[in-house]
Amino acid sequence: MVGRVVKRAFKYRFYPTAVQAEQLARTFGCTRYVYNRALAERTRAWSQ
């Protein structure tokens, strides 16, 4: 069995409350903003 890889995955359902959904939306929005700013900076630095 050397060299054999077994992959497993687990799926969980998540039912957030209204407050949790709002916090998640805010967090994902901030994360998206930071990622896009970093990507823009990297693209700008590469093009120079």
C-alpha atoms as a PDB file:
ATOM      1  CA  MET A   1       0.000   0.000   0.000  1.00  0.00           C
ATOM      2  CA  VAL A   2       2.965   2.324  -0.335  1.00  0.00           C
ATOM      3  CA  GLY A   3       2.189   5.422  -2.367  1.00  0.00           C
ATOM      4  CA  ARG A   4      -1.572   5.085  -2.082  1.00  0.00           C
ATOM      5  CA  VAL A   5      -3.497   8.160  -0.988  1.00  0.00           C
ATOM      6  CA  VAL A   6      -6.952   8.039   0.520  1.00  0.00           C
ATOM      7  CA  LYS A   7      -8.984  11.223   0.297  1.00  0.00           C
ATOM      8  CA  ARG A   8     -11.917  11.877   2.578  1.00  0.00           C
ATOM      9  CA  ALA A   9     -14.365  14.717   2.727  1.00  0.00           C
ATOM     10  CA  PHE A  10     -16.988  15.711   5.224  1.00  0.00           C
ATOM     11  CA  LYS A  11     -19.875  18.036   4.541  1.00  0.00           C
ATOM     12  CA  TYR A  12     -21.706  19.927   7.230  1.00  0.00           C
ATOM     13  CA  ARG A  13     -24.813  22.046   6.844  1.00  0.00           C
ATOM     14  CA  PHE A  14     -24.766  25.418   8.529  1.00  0.00           C
ATOM     15  CA  TYR A  15     -27.896  27.340   9.441  1.00  0.00           C
ATOM     16  CA  PRO A  16     -26.747  30.709  10.774  1.00  0.00           C
ATOM     17  CA  THR A  17     -28.960  32.972  12.786  1.00  0.00           C
ATOM     18  CA  ALA A  18     -29.710  36.423  11.395  1.00  0.00           C
ATOM     19  CA  VAL A  19     -26.928  37.953  13.503  1.00  0.00           C
ATOM     20  CA  GLN A  20     -24.437  35.293  12.407  1.00  0.00           C
ATOM     21  CA  ALA A  21     -25.412  35.755   8.755  1.00  0.00           C
ATOM     22  CA  GLU A  22     -24.817  39.498   9.048  1.00  0.00           C
ATOM     23  CA  GLN A  23     -21.417  38.954  10.667  1.00  0.00           C
ATOM     24  CA  LEU A  24     -20.448  36.415   8.009  1.00  0.00           C
ATOM     25  CA  ALA A  25     -21.493  38.778   5.219  1.00  0.00           C
ATOM     26  CA  ARG A  26     -19.391  41.561   6.759  1.00  0.00           C
ATOM     27  CA  THR A  27     -16.397  39.256   7.223  1.00  0.00           C
ATOM     28  CA  PHE A  28     -16.595  37.908   3.667  1.00  0.00           C
ATOM     29  CA  GLY A  29     -16.935  41.442   2.321  1.00  0.00           C
ATOM     30  CA  CYS A  30     -13.807  42.558   4.182  1.00  0.00           C
ATOM     31  CA  THR A  31     -11.916  39.483   3.046  1.00  0.00           C
ATOM     32  CA  ARG A  32     -12.915  40.062  -0.569  1.00  0.00           C
ATOM     33  CA  TYR A  33     -11.819  43.720  -0.336  1.00  0.00           C
ATOM     34  CA  VAL A  34      -8.400  42.861   1.122  1.00  0.00           C
ATOM     35  CA  TYR A  35      -7.822  40.091  -1.438  1.00  0.00           C
ATOM     36  CA  ASN A  36      -8.720  42.355  -4.355  1.00  0.00           C
ATOM     37  CA  ARG A  37      -6.500  45.177  -3.061  1.00  0.00           C
ATOM     38  CA  ALA A  38      -3.570  42.782  -2.647  1.00  0.00           C
ATOM     39  CA  LEU A  39      -4.155  41.365  -6.124  1.00  0.00           C
ATOM     40  CA  ALA A  40      -4.277  44.862  -7.627  1.00  0.00           C
ATOM     41  CA  GLU A  41      -1.037  45.806  -5.864  1.00  0.00           C
ATOM     42  CA  ARG A  42       0.684  42.643  -7.031  1.00  0.00           C
ATOM     43  CA  THR A  43      -0.515  43.212 -10.599  1.00  0.00           C
ATOM     44  CA  ARG A  44       0.662  46.834 -10.475  1.00  0.00           C
ATOM     45  CA  ALA A  45       4.088  45.821  -9.123  1.00  0.00           C
ATOM     46  CA  TRP A  46       4.481  43.139 -11.783  1.00  0.00           C
ATOM     47  CA  SER A  47       3.624  45.510 -14.631  1.00  0.00           C
ATOM     48  CA  GLN A  48       6.305  48.030 -13.627  1.00  0.00           C
END
